[in-house]
Amino acid sequence: MAKCMGLSVHQLPILAGICPCSSSYLVPRARAAGSVPISSKVDNKWKSGGRAPRRLILGLGVSFWAQLMNMSGAVGGKSFTASARLKSGPSFEEILKNVEWPEQFPFKPEDFQRFDESSDSVFYETPRFVTHIDDPAIAALTKYYSKVFPPSNTPGVSMLDMCSSWVSHFPPGYKQERIVGMGMNEEELKRNPVLTEYVVQDLNVNPKLPFEDNSFDVITNVVSVDYITKPLDVFKEMCRILKPGGLAIMSFSNRCFWTKAISIWTSTGDADHGLIVGAYFHYAGGFEPPQAVDISPNPGRSDPMYIVYSRKLSTV
């Protein structure tokens, strides 16, 4: 067992594949990408402690743009809406094109609060050997990875799967000399067949990544960016540990443990989420302009799947 900055880094054997199962912990999948009106029956169930579909929960919040208009700290007294004008259409893939960002990070600390502020270590203490998106969405993500990842067994390639668990959705048989998993549950990480090593760390407590500068060619994060409460710190660290030209891929859907997701996420929609993650890249500095990709396999019939990615500037 190697030690890295006081954290245990474990070497892993290659394990056999593990069959996924459904999760009883997740908010049920919603059918459509847009907001759905809330019936009184569903509203009452949610208020009484029942679980409502994620898309319905989002409908309870104000729109992303309305929130941003009320945010304090906008440059020159202008709202983020006015400063970050979208000059192209509203589709997800266009959401990050031609954005005029304000000079300062437009979000407030309360935007990163959660409904459940109890210890994340306690929440993730019990292993969950489940998948958090449905099979078509998983297949779409794996297909995307197969197009953008370095070829398997490329000499010198190192990869980091942040917020990892027992499965990373990499292409079947994909291998590199070093694939590190960072997550919250050691039992889950031990079962991940693609990892060569892992680190257990709560990024919401300690966003400092325990790796040397310019260490990784690729960083992935699957359906977990919405749980990060210190995103600028984390994205700055991602930039530090990526090699020049290294690729960071943030993927997400419309499902989550909603009590642990940040408030700005649970009160906004899919396209807004792309803009939020794009803002993380932009304000962290050191990245190329972020790009958004919609890889949803069956719009309206299965889980949507979105990508926001960027590369570290070659001059950083």
C-alpha atoms as a PDB file:
ATOM      1  CA  MET A   1       0.000   0.000   0.000  1.00  0.00           C
ATOM      2  CA  ALA A   2       1.410   3.322  -1.066  1.00  0.00           C
ATOM      3  CA  LYS A   3       0.862   6.570   0.826  1.00  0.00           C
ATOM      4  CA  CYS A   4       0.068   9.787  -0.991  1.00  0.00           C
ATOM      5  CA  MET A   5      -0.184  13.017   1.006  1.00  0.00           C
ATOM      6  CA  GLY A   6      -1.502  11.178   4.028  1.00  0.00           C
ATOM      7  CA  LEU A   7      -4.162   9.293   2.056  1.00  0.00           C
ATOM      8  CA  SER A   8      -4.122   5.583   1.380  1.00  0.00           C
ATOM      9  CA  VAL A   9      -3.621   4.686  -2.271  1.00  0.00           C
ATOM     10  CA  HIS A  10      -4.468   1.034  -2.829  1.00  0.00           C
ATOM     11  CA  GLN A  11      -3.301  -1.164  -5.670  1.00  0.00           C
ATOM     12  CA  LEU A  12      -6.181  -3.220  -7.054  1.00  0.00           C
ATOM     13  CA  PRO A  13      -6.327  -6.591  -8.770  1.00  0.00           C
ATOM     14  CA  ILE A  14      -8.408  -6.961 -11.909  1.00  0.00           C
ATOM     15  CA  LEU A  15     -11.823  -8.319 -10.915  1.00  0.00           C
ATOM     16  CA  ALA A  16     -14.546 -10.038 -12.852  1.00  0.00           C
ATOM     17  CA  GLY A  17     -17.464  -7.998 -14.125  1.00  0.00           C
ATOM     18  CA  ILE A  18     -20.370  -7.270 -11.804  1.00  0.00           C
ATOM     19  CA  CYS A  19     -23.991  -7.131 -12.865  1.00  0.00           C
ATOM     20  CA  PRO A  20     -25.775  -3.837 -12.210  1.00  0.00           C
ATOM     21  CA  CYS A  21     -29.059  -3.554 -10.377  1.00  0.00           C
ATOM     22  CA  SER A  22     -31.609  -0.822  -9.864  1.00  0.00           C
ATOM     23  CA  SER A  23     -31.444   1.640  -7.007  1.00  0.00           C
ATOM     24  CA  SER A  24     -34.079   2.224  -4.388  1.00  0.00           C
ATOM     25  CA  TYR A  25     -32.218   5.302  -3.169  1.00  0.00           C
ATOM     26  CA  LEU A  26     -32.535   7.419  -6.267  1.00  0.00           C
ATOM     27  CA  VAL A  27     -35.364   9.701  -7.201  1.00  0.00           C
ATOM     28  CA  PRO A  28     -37.397   7.847  -9.866  1.00  0.00           C
ATOM     29  CA  ARG A  29     -36.571   8.669 -13.462  1.00  0.00           C
ATOM     30  CA  ALA A  30     -38.611  11.330 -15.188  1.00  0.00           C
ATOM     31  CA  ARG A  31     -39.838  10.763 -18.729  1.00  0.00           C
ATOM     32  CA  ALA A  32     -39.289  14.165 -20.287  1.00  0.00           C
ATOM     33  CA  ALA A  33     -36.440  16.637 -20.306  1.00  0.00           C
ATOM     34  CA  GLY A  34     -38.640  19.655 -19.680  1.00  0.00           C
ATOM     35  CA  SER A  35     -40.392  20.630 -16.489  1.00  0.00           C
ATOM     36  CA  VAL A  36     -43.617  18.786 -15.698  1.00  0.00           C
ATOM     37  CA  PRO A  37     -46.587  20.434 -13.978  1.00  0.00           C
ATOM     38  CA  ILE A  38     -47.060  19.235 -10.428  1.00  0.00           C
ATOM     39  CA  SER A  39     -50.425  17.742  -9.630  1.00  0.00           C
ATOM     40  CA  SER A  40     -51.890  18.274  -6.182  1.00  0.00           C
ATOM     41  CA  LYS A  41     -51.591  14.545  -5.523  1.00  0.00           C
ATOM     42  CA  VAL A  42     -47.883  14.457  -6.270  1.00  0.00           C
ATOM     43  CA  ASP A  43     -47.307  17.750  -4.461  1.00  0.00           C
ATOM     44  CA  ASN A  44     -49.016  16.445  -1.330  1.00  0.00           C
ATOM     45  CA  LYS A  45     -47.016  13.223  -1.449  1.00  0.00           C
ATOM     46  CA  TRP A  46     -43.763  15.156  -1.689  1.00  0.00           C
ATOM     47  CA  LYS A  47     -44.733  17.489   1.157  1.00  0.00           C
ATOM     48  CA  SER A  48     -45.649  14.512   3.347  1.00  0.00           C
ATOM     49  CA  GLY A  49     -42.265  12.884   2.899  1.00  0.00           C
ATOM     50  CA  GLY A  50     -42.881  10.779  -0.188  1.00  0.00           C
ATOM     51  CA  ARG A  51     -40.529  10.776  -3.162  1.00  0.00           C
ATOM     52  CA  ALA A  52     -41.418  12.636  -6.325  1.00  0.00           C
ATOM     53  CA  PRO A  53     -39.708  12.320  -9.710  1.00  0.00           C
ATOM     54  CA  ARG A  54     -36.657  14.529 -10.013  1.00  0.00           C
ATOM     55  CA  ARG A  55     -38.178  16.577 -12.798  1.00  0.00           C
ATOM     56  CA  LEU A  56     -41.172  17.325 -10.569  1.00  0.00           C
ATOM     57  CA  ILE A  57     -38.908  18.397  -7.733  1.00  0.00           C
ATOM     58  CA  LEU A  58     -37.148  20.789 -10.091  1.00  0.00           C
ATOM     59  CA  GLY A  59     -40.515  22.295 -10.883  1.00  0.00           C
ATOM     60  CA  LEU A  60     -40.833  23.423  -7.284  1.00  0.00           C
ATOM     61  CA  GLY A  61     -37.871  25.763  -7.619  1.00  0.00           C
ATOM     62  CA  VAL A  62     -37.560  29.068  -9.405  1.00  0.00           C
ATOM     63  CA  SER A  63     -36.002  29.142 -12.843  1.00  0.00           C
ATOM     64  CA  PHE A  64     -32.252  29.350 -13.224  1.00  0.00           C
ATOM     65  CA  TRP A  65     -32.470  32.737 -14.869  1.00  0.00           C
ATOM     66  CA  ALA A  66     -34.709  34.171 -12.152  1.00  0.00           C
ATOM     67  CA  GLN A  67     -32.242  33.016  -9.520  1.00  0.00           C
ATOM     68  CA  LEU A  68     -29.302  34.493 -11.347  1.00  0.00           C
ATOM     69  CA  MET A  69     -31.068  37.816 -11.755  1.00  0.00           C
ATOM     70  CA  ASN A  70     -31.318  38.073  -7.982  1.00  0.00           C
ATOM     71  CA  MET A  71     -27.746  37.050  -7.251  1.00  0.00           C
ATOM     72  CA  SER A  72     -25.531  39.532  -5.519  1.00  0.00           C
ATOM     73  CA  GLY A  73     -22.044  40.389  -6.652  1.00  0.00           C
ATOM     74  CA  ALA A  74     -22.718  40.706 -10.359  1.00  0.00           C
ATOM     75  CA  VAL A  75     -20.239  42.980 -12.062  1.00  0.00           C
ATOM     76  CA  GLY A  76     -21.299  46.592 -12.302  1.00  0.00           C
ATOM     77  CA  GLY A  77     -24.673  45.839 -10.758  1.00  0.00           C
ATOM     78  CA  LYS A  78     -25.707  43.806 -13.791  1.00  0.00           C
ATOM     79  CA  SER A  79     -27.336  40.440 -13.305  1.00  0.00           C
ATOM     80  CA  PHE A  80     -25.660  37.258 -14.509  1.00  0.00           C
ATOM     81  CA  THR A  81     -28.508  36.908 -16.990  1.00  0.00           C
ATOM     82  CA  ALA A  82     -27.595  40.170 -18.639  1.00  0.00           C
ATOM     83  CA  SER A  83     -23.861  39.532 -18.474  1.00  0.00           C
ATOM     84  CA  ALA A  84     -23.957  35.923 -19.679  1.00  0.00           C
ATOM     85  CA  ARG A  85     -26.088  36.436 -22.743  1.00  0.00           C
ATOM     86  CA  LEU A  86     -26.624  33.461 -24.984  1.00  0.00           C
ATOM     87  CA  LYS A  87     -26.223  34.579 -28.573  1.00  0.00           C
ATOM     88  CA  SER A  88     -27.293  31.231 -30.017  1.00  0.00           C
ATOM     89  CA  GLY A  89     -30.271  28.922 -29.619  1.00  0.00           C
ATOM     90  CA  PRO A  90     -31.417  27.281 -26.407  1.00  0.00           C
ATOM     91  CA  SER A  91     -30.614  23.652 -27.205  1.00  0.00           C
ATOM     92  CA  PHE A  92     -28.256  21.892 -24.808  1.00  0.00           C
ATOM     93  CA  GLU A  93     -25.430  21.648 -27.320  1.00  0.00           C
ATOM     94  CA  GLU A  94     -25.632  25.390 -27.960  1.00  0.00           C
ATOM     95  CA  ILE A  95     -25.937  26.488 -24.334  1.00  0.00           C
ATOM     96  CA  LEU A  96     -22.196  27.164 -23.964  1.00  0.00           C
ATOM     97  CA  LYS A  97     -21.614  28.757 -27.350  1.00  0.00           C
ATOM     98  CA  ASN A  98     -20.820  32.477 -27.404  1.00  0.00           C
ATOM     99  CA  VAL A  99     -21.393  33.044 -23.698  1.00  0.00           C
ATOM    100  CA  GLU A 100     -20.244  36.403 -22.337  1.00  0.00           C
ATOM    101  CA  TRP A 101     -19.249  35.569 -18.777  1.00  0.00           C
ATOM    102  CA  PRO A 102     -19.220  38.226 -16.052  1.00  0.00           C
ATOM    103  CA  GLU A 103     -15.875  38.972 -14.466  1.00  0.00           C
ATOM    104  CA  GLN A 104     -16.675  37.329 -11.142  1.00  0.00           C
ATOM    105  CA  PHE A 105     -18.157  33.973 -10.185  1.00  0.00           C
ATOM    106  CA  PRO A 106     -21.899  34.718 -10.034  1.00  0.00           C
ATOM    107  CA  PHE A 107     -23.064  32.133  -7.497  1.00  0.00           C
ATOM    108  CA  LYS A 108     -23.615  32.676  -3.796  1.00  0.00           C
ATOM    109  CA  PRO A 109     -22.614  30.310  -0.952  1.00  0.00           C
ATOM    110  CA  GLU A 110     -26.231  29.343  -0.356  1.00  0.00           C
ATOM    111  CA  ASP A 111     -26.444  28.015  -3.911  1.00  0.00           C
ATOM    112  CA  PHE A 112     -24.194  25.173  -2.778  1.00  0.00           C
ATOM    113  CA  GLN A 113     -26.176  24.232   0.297  1.00  0.00           C
ATOM    114  CA  ARG A 114     -28.086  20.952   0.416  1.00  0.00           C
ATOM    115  CA  PHE A 115     -31.384  19.873   1.933  1.00  0.00           C
ATOM    116  CA  ASP A 116     -29.384  17.324   3.945  1.00  0.00           C
ATOM    117  CA  GLU A 117     -26.208  18.873   5.357  1.00  0.00           C
ATOM    118  CA  SER A 118     -25.333  15.840   7.494  1.00  0.00           C
ATOM    119  CA  SER A 119     -21.967  14.141   6.978  1.00  0.00           C
ATOM    120  CA  ASP A 120     -21.497  12.734   3.498  1.00  0.00           C
ATOM    121  CA  SER A 121     -19.285  10.042   4.997  1.00  0.00           C
ATOM    122  CA  VAL A 122     -22.292   8.740   6.928  1.00  0.00           C
ATOM    123  CA  PHE A 123     -24.581   8.977   3.897  1.00  0.00           C
ATOM    124  CA  TYR A 124     -22.197   6.938   1.739  1.00  0.00           C
ATOM    125  CA  GLU A 125     -21.074   4.573   4.495  1.00  0.00           C
ATOM    126  CA  THR A 126     -23.204   1.668   3.241  1.00  0.00           C
ATOM    127  CA  PRO A 127     -22.097   0.305  -0.164  1.00  0.00           C
ATOM    128  CA  ARG A 128     -24.620   0.706  -2.972  1.00  0.00           C
ATOM    129  CA  PHE A 129     -23.850  -1.755  -5.737  1.00  0.00           C
ATOM    130  CA  VAL A 130     -26.329  -0.120  -8.073  1.00  0.00           C
ATOM    131  CA  THR A 131     -26.311   1.945 -11.231  1.00  0.00           C
ATOM    132  CA  HIS A 132     -27.619   5.498 -11.130  1.00  0.00           C
ATOM    133  CA  ILE A 133     -28.749   5.814 -14.751  1.00  0.00           C
ATOM    134  CA  ASP A 134     -30.587   3.315 -16.921  1.00  0.00           C
ATOM    135  CA  ASP A 135     -28.984   0.913 -19.386  1.00  0.00           C
ATOM    136  CA  PRO A 136     -29.483   3.019 -22.553  1.00  0.00           C
ATOM    137  CA  ALA A 137     -27.862   6.037 -20.855  1.00  0.00           C
ATOM    138  CA  ILE A 138     -24.971   3.868 -19.659  1.00  0.00           C
ATOM    139  CA  ALA A 139     -24.494   2.522 -23.189  1.00  0.00           C
ATOM    140  CA  ALA A 140     -24.502   6.065 -24.606  1.00  0.00           C
ATOM    141  CA  LEU A 141     -21.854   7.190 -22.119  1.00  0.00           C
ATOM    142  CA  THR A 142     -19.679   4.141 -22.789  1.00  0.00           C
ATOM    143  CA  LYS A 143     -19.951   4.774 -26.538  1.00  0.00           C
ATOM    144  CA  TYR A 144     -18.926   8.392 -26.029  1.00  0.00           C
ATOM    145  CA  TYR A 145     -15.935   7.323 -23.938  1.00  0.00           C
ATOM    146  CA  SER A 146     -14.863   4.926 -26.685  1.00  0.00           C
ATOM    147  CA  LYS A 147     -14.681   7.855 -29.096  1.00  0.00           C
ATOM    148  CA  VAL A 148     -12.744  10.315 -26.936  1.00  0.00           C
ATOM    149  CA  PHE A 149     -10.528   8.176 -24.677  1.00  0.00           C
ATOM    150  CA  PRO A 150      -6.916   7.412 -25.598  1.00  0.00           C
ATOM    151  CA  PRO A 151      -6.617   3.920 -27.103  1.00  0.00           C
ATOM    152  CA  SER A 152      -6.497   1.126 -24.567  1.00  0.00           C
ATOM    153  CA  ASN A 153      -3.031   0.290 -23.228  1.00  0.00           C
ATOM    154  CA  THR A 154      -1.443   3.504 -24.499  1.00  0.00           C
ATOM    155  CA  PRO A 155       1.985   3.839 -22.840  1.00  0.00           C
ATOM    156  CA  GLY A 156       2.188   6.596 -20.231  1.00  0.00           C
ATOM    157  CA  VAL A 157      -1.544   7.357 -20.048  1.00  0.00           C
ATOM    158  CA  SER A 158      -3.032   8.023 -16.611  1.00  0.00           C
ATOM    159  CA  MET A 159      -6.726   8.545 -15.874  1.00  0.00           C
ATOM    160  CA  LEU A 160      -8.730   9.654 -12.840  1.00  0.00           C
ATOM    161  CA  ASP A 161     -12.370   8.715 -12.267  1.00  0.00           C
ATOM    162  CA  MET A 162     -13.637  11.216  -9.703  1.00  0.00           C
ATOM    163  CA  CYS A 163     -16.596  10.428  -7.452  1.00  0.00           C
ATOM    164  CA  SER A 164     -16.135   6.838  -8.537  1.00  0.00           C
ATOM    165  CA  SER A 165     -17.771   3.693  -7.222  1.00  0.00           C
ATOM    166  CA  TRP A 166     -18.003   0.023  -8.233  1.00  0.00           C
ATOM    167  CA  VAL A 167     -18.402   0.778 -11.943  1.00  0.00           C
ATOM    168  CA  SER A 168     -16.962   3.529 -14.181  1.00  0.00           C
ATOM    169  CA  HIS A 169     -18.826   2.779 -17.454  1.00  0.00           C
ATOM    170  CA  PHE A 170     -15.559   2.632 -19.415  1.00  0.00           C
ATOM    171  CA  PRO A 171     -15.554   0.609 -22.670  1.00  0.00           C
ATOM    172  CA  PRO A 172     -15.409  -3.187 -22.149  1.00  0.00           C
ATOM    173  CA  GLY A 173     -11.850  -4.397 -21.621  1.00  0.00           C
ATOM    174  CA  TYR A 174     -10.473  -0.864 -21.485  1.00  0.00           C
ATOM    175  CA  LYS A 175      -7.107  -0.685 -19.713  1.00  0.00           C
ATOM    176  CA  GLN A 176      -4.387   1.800 -18.996  1.00  0.00           C
ATOM    177  CA  GLU A 177      -1.271   1.532 -16.891  1.00  0.00           C
ATOM    178  CA  ARG A 178      -2.858   3.808 -14.293  1.00  0.00           C
ATOM    179  CA  ILE A 179      -6.567   4.345 -13.699  1.00  0.00           C
ATOM    180  CA  VAL A 180      -7.283   5.898 -10.309  1.00  0.00           C
ATOM    181  CA  GLY A 181     -10.694   5.929  -8.700  1.00  0.00           C
ATOM    182  CA  MET A 182     -11.571   8.532  -6.088  1.00  0.00           C
ATOM    183  CA  GLY A 183     -14.768   8.002  -4.155  1.00  0.00           C
ATOM    184  CA  MET A 184     -16.520   7.833  -0.824  1.00  0.00           C
ATOM    185  CA  ASN A 185     -16.984   4.108  -0.243  1.00  0.00           C
ATOM    186  CA  GLU A 186     -14.006   1.760  -0.110  1.00  0.00           C
ATOM    187  CA  GLU A 187     -16.037  -1.400  -0.655  1.00  0.00           C
ATOM    188  CA  GLU A 188     -17.460  -0.001  -3.871  1.00  0.00           C
ATOM    189  CA  LEU A 189     -14.051   1.092  -5.115  1.00  0.00           C
ATOM    190  CA  LYS A 190     -12.545  -2.324  -4.376  1.00  0.00           C
ATOM    191  CA  ARG A 191     -15.126  -3.909  -6.666  1.00  0.00           C
ATOM    192  CA  ASN A 192     -14.436  -1.627  -9.633  1.00  0.00           C
ATOM    193  CA  PRO A 193     -12.702  -3.830 -12.238  1.00  0.00           C
ATOM    194  CA  VAL A 194     -11.189  -0.977 -14.280  1.00  0.00           C
ATOM    195  CA  LEU A 195      -9.276   0.710 -11.447  1.00  0.00           C
ATOM    196  CA  THR A 196      -5.602   0.059 -10.770  1.00  0.00           C
ATOM    197  CA  GLU A 197      -5.720   2.047  -7.517  1.00  0.00           C
ATOM    198  CA  TYR A 198      -8.156   4.104  -5.501  1.00  0.00           C
ATOM    199  CA  VAL A 199      -8.381   6.899  -2.960  1.00  0.00           C
ATOM    200  CA  VAL A 200     -11.180   7.397  -0.432  1.00  0.00           C
ATOM    201  CA  GLN A 201     -11.771  11.113   0.048  1.00  0.00           C
ATOM    202  CA  ASP A 202     -14.679  13.475   0.710  1.00  0.00           C
ATOM    203  CA  LEU A 203     -14.194  16.358  -1.717  1.00  0.00           C
ATOM    204  CA  ASN A 204     -16.756  18.445   0.143  1.00  0.00           C
ATOM    205  CA  VAL A 205     -14.497  18.340   3.204  1.00  0.00           C
ATOM    206  CA  ASN A 206     -11.131  18.356   1.446  1.00  0.00           C
ATOM    207  CA  PRO A 207     -11.173  19.475  -2.207  1.00  0.00           C
ATOM    208  CA  LYS A 208      -7.385  19.203  -2.467  1.00  0.00           C
ATOM    209  CA  LEU A 209      -6.576  16.352  -4.845  1.00  0.00           C
ATOM    210  CA  PRO A 210      -3.702  14.158  -3.585  1.00  0.00           C
ATOM    211  CA  PHE A 211      -1.772  14.017  -6.861  1.00  0.00           C
ATOM    212  CA  GLU A 212       1.227  15.726  -8.411  1.00  0.00           C
ATOM    213  CA  ASP A 213       0.885  18.509 -10.971  1.00  0.00           C
ATOM    214  CA  ASN A 214       0.388  17.414 -14.593  1.00  0.00           C
ATOM    215  CA  SER A 215      -0.349  13.796 -13.652  1.00  0.00           C
ATOM    216  CA  PHE A 216      -3.435  12.798 -15.669  1.00  0.00           C
ATOM    217  CA  ASP A 217      -4.455  12.687 -19.303  1.00  0.00           C
ATOM    218  CA  VAL A 218      -8.179  12.289 -18.619  1.00  0.00           C
ATOM    219  CA  ILE A 219     -10.494  13.037 -15.683  1.00  0.00           C
ATOM    220  CA  THR A 220     -14.053  11.686 -15.640  1.00  0.00           C
ATOM    221  CA  ASN A 221     -16.968  12.367 -13.315  1.00  0.00           C
ATOM    222  CA  VAL A 222     -20.215  10.461 -13.836  1.00  0.00           C
ATOM    223  CA  VAL A 223     -23.512  11.843 -12.453  1.00  0.00           C
ATOM    224  CA  SER A 224     -21.819  13.365  -9.402  1.00  0.00           C
ATOM    225  CA  VAL A 225     -20.884  16.939 -10.262  1.00  0.00           C
ATOM    226  CA  ASP A 226     -24.207  18.031  -8.726  1.00  0.00           C
ATOM    227  CA  TYR A 227     -23.038  16.940  -5.254  1.00  0.00           C
ATOM    228  CA  ILE A 228     -19.874  19.064  -5.155  1.00  0.00           C
ATOM    229  CA  THR A 229     -20.212  21.965  -2.720  1.00  0.00           C
ATOM    230  CA  LYS A 230     -16.819  23.545  -3.459  1.00  0.00           C
ATOM    231  CA  PRO A 231     -16.786  23.319  -7.259  1.00  0.00           C
ATOM    232  CA  LEU A 232     -14.279  26.093  -7.950  1.00  0.00           C
ATOM    233  CA  ASP A 233     -11.741  24.534  -5.585  1.00  0.00           C
ATOM    234  CA  VAL A 234     -12.246  21.119  -7.159  1.00  0.00           C
ATOM    235  CA  PHE A 235     -12.061  22.366 -10.755  1.00  0.00           C
ATOM    236  CA  LYS A 236      -8.914  24.364 -10.017  1.00  0.00           C
ATOM    237  CA  GLU A 237      -7.404  21.180  -8.631  1.00  0.00           C
ATOM    238  CA  MET A 238      -8.496  19.287 -11.714  1.00  0.00           C
ATOM    239  CA  CYS A 239      -6.679  21.828 -13.852  1.00  0.00           C
ATOM    240  CA  ARG A 240      -3.554  21.512 -11.709  1.00  0.00           C
ATOM    241  CA  ILE A 241      -3.317  17.714 -11.984  1.00  0.00           C
ATOM    242  CA  LEU A 242      -4.247  17.451 -15.672  1.00  0.00           C
ATOM    243  CA  LYS A 243      -1.423  17.348 -18.167  1.00  0.00           C
ATOM    244  CA  PRO A 244      -1.404  20.227 -20.674  1.00  0.00           C
ATOM    245  CA  GLY A 245      -4.102  19.393 -23.201  1.00  0.00           C
ATOM    246  CA  GLY A 246      -5.636  16.878 -20.784  1.00  0.00           C
ATOM    247  CA  LEU A 247      -9.360  16.215 -21.040  1.00  0.00           C
ATOM    248  CA  ALA A 248     -11.973  16.632 -18.264  1.00  0.00           C
ATOM    249  CA  ILE A 249     -15.398  15.064 -18.891  1.00  0.00           C
ATOM    250  CA  MET A 250     -18.349  15.837 -16.629  1.00  0.00           C
ATOM    251  CA  SER A 251     -21.430  13.732 -17.388  1.00  0.00           C
ATOM    252  CA  PHE A 252     -24.857  14.007 -15.787  1.00  0.00           C
ATOM    253  CA  SER A 253     -28.496  13.087 -16.205  1.00  0.00           C
ATOM    254  CA  ASN A 254     -31.683  14.238 -14.464  1.00  0.00           C
ATOM    255  CA  ARG A 255     -31.459  11.809 -11.555  1.00  0.00           C
ATOM    256  CA  CYS A 256     -29.806  12.242  -8.176  1.00  0.00           C
ATOM    257  CA  PHE A 257     -29.980  11.824  -4.433  1.00  0.00           C
ATOM    258  CA  TRP A 258     -31.847  15.107  -4.324  1.00  0.00           C
ATOM    259  CA  THR A 259     -31.313  15.716  -0.594  1.00  0.00           C
ATOM    260  CA  LYS A 260     -27.545  15.724  -1.226  1.00  0.00           C
ATOM    261  CA  ALA A 261     -27.509  17.711  -4.459  1.00  0.00           C
ATOM    262  CA  ILE A 262     -26.723  21.424  -4.257  1.00  0.00           C
ATOM    263  CA  SER A 263     -29.685  23.809  -4.263  1.00  0.00           C
ATOM    264  CA  ILE A 264     -28.788  25.563  -7.527  1.00  0.00           C
ATOM    265  CA  TRP A 265     -28.968  22.145  -9.222  1.00  0.00           C
ATOM    266  CA  THR A 266     -32.264  20.952  -7.766  1.00  0.00           C
ATOM    267  CA  SER A 267     -34.027  24.183  -8.663  1.00  0.00           C
ATOM    268  CA  THR A 268     -32.946  24.234 -12.318  1.00  0.00           C
ATOM    269  CA  GLY A 269     -33.284  22.187 -15.498  1.00  0.00           C
ATOM    270  CA  ASP A 270     -31.035  20.204 -17.798  1.00  0.00           C
ATOM    271  CA  ALA A 271     -29.866  23.032 -20.062  1.00  0.00           C
ATOM    272  CA  ASP A 272     -29.219  25.200 -17.010  1.00  0.00           C
ATOM    273  CA  HIS A 273     -27.058  22.420 -15.562  1.00  0.00           C
ATOM    274  CA  GLY A 274     -24.870  22.597 -18.636  1.00  0.00           C
ATOM    275  CA  LEU A 275     -24.373  26.316 -18.065  1.00  0.00           C
ATOM    276  CA  ILE A 276     -23.603  25.742 -14.378  1.00  0.00           C
ATOM    277  CA  VAL A 277     -20.898  23.156 -15.126  1.00  0.00           C
ATOM    278  CA  GLY A 278     -19.559  25.345 -17.916  1.00  0.00           C
ATOM    279  CA  ALA A 279     -19.236  28.151 -15.377  1.00  0.00           C
ATOM    280  CA  TYR A 280     -17.149  25.891 -13.142  1.00  0.00           C
ATOM    281  CA  PHE A 281     -14.656  25.333 -15.955  1.00  0.00           C
ATOM    282  CA  HIS A 282     -14.609  28.996 -16.944  1.00  0.00           C
ATOM    283  CA  TYR A 283     -14.086  30.473 -13.485  1.00  0.00           C
ATOM    284  CA  ALA A 284     -11.586  27.837 -12.385  1.00  0.00           C
ATOM    285  CA  GLY A 285      -9.259  29.162 -15.072  1.00  0.00           C
ATOM    286  CA  GLY A 286      -6.708  27.304 -17.139  1.00  0.00           C
ATOM    287  CA  PHE A 287      -9.257  25.503 -19.341  1.00  0.00           C
ATOM    288  CA  GLU A 288     -10.302  25.930 -22.935  1.00  0.00           C
ATOM    289  CA  PRO A 289     -13.881  27.197 -23.418  1.00  0.00           C
ATOM    290  CA  PRO A 290     -16.132  24.350 -22.247  1.00  0.00           C
ATOM    291  CA  GLN A 291     -18.314  22.475 -24.692  1.00  0.00           C
ATOM    292  CA  ALA A 292     -21.702  20.802 -24.191  1.00  0.00           C
ATOM    293  CA  VAL A 293     -22.835  17.558 -25.827  1.00  0.00           C
ATOM    294  CA  ASP A 294     -26.224  15.852 -25.640  1.00  0.00           C
ATOM    295  CA  ILE A 295     -25.737  12.081 -25.917  1.00  0.00           C
ATOM    296  CA  SER A 296     -29.262  11.167 -24.746  1.00  0.00           C
ATOM    297  CA  PRO A 297     -30.061   7.863 -26.469  1.00  0.00           C
ATOM    298  CA  ASN A 298     -33.872   7.954 -26.493  1.00  0.00           C
ATOM    299  CA  PRO A 299     -35.215  11.416 -25.658  1.00  0.00           C
ATOM    300  CA  GLY A 300     -38.386  11.130 -23.621  1.00  0.00           C
ATOM    301  CA  ARG A 301     -38.165   7.330 -23.353  1.00  0.00           C
ATOM    302  CA  SER A 302     -35.057   6.736 -21.240  1.00  0.00           C
ATOM    303  CA  ASP A 303     -32.694   8.707 -19.044  1.00  0.00           C
ATOM    304  CA  PRO A 304     -31.175  11.747 -20.734  1.00  0.00           C
ATOM    305  CA  MET A 305     -27.380  11.948 -20.756  1.00  0.00           C
ATOM    306  CA  TYR A 306     -25.342  15.121 -21.051  1.00  0.00           C
ATOM    307  CA  ILE A 307     -21.639  15.948 -21.270  1.00  0.00           C
ATOM    308  CA  VAL A 308     -19.793  19.151 -20.490  1.00  0.00           C
ATOM    309  CA  TYR A 309     -16.091  18.850 -21.244  1.00  0.00           C
ATOM    310  CA  SER A 310     -12.983  20.955 -21.572  1.00  0.00           C
ATOM    311  CA  ARG A 311      -9.236  20.585 -21.997  1.00  0.00           C
ATOM    312  CA  LYS A 312      -6.488  22.134 -19.958  1.00  0.00           C
ATOM    313  CA  LEU A 313      -4.779  24.884 -21.888  1.00  0.00           C
ATOM    314  CA  SER A 314      -1.496  23.728 -23.346  1.00  0.00           C
ATOM    315  CA  THR A 315       0.232  26.862 -22.054  1.00  0.00           C
ATOM    316  CA  VAL A 316      -0.796  26.420 -18.402  1.00  0.00           C
END
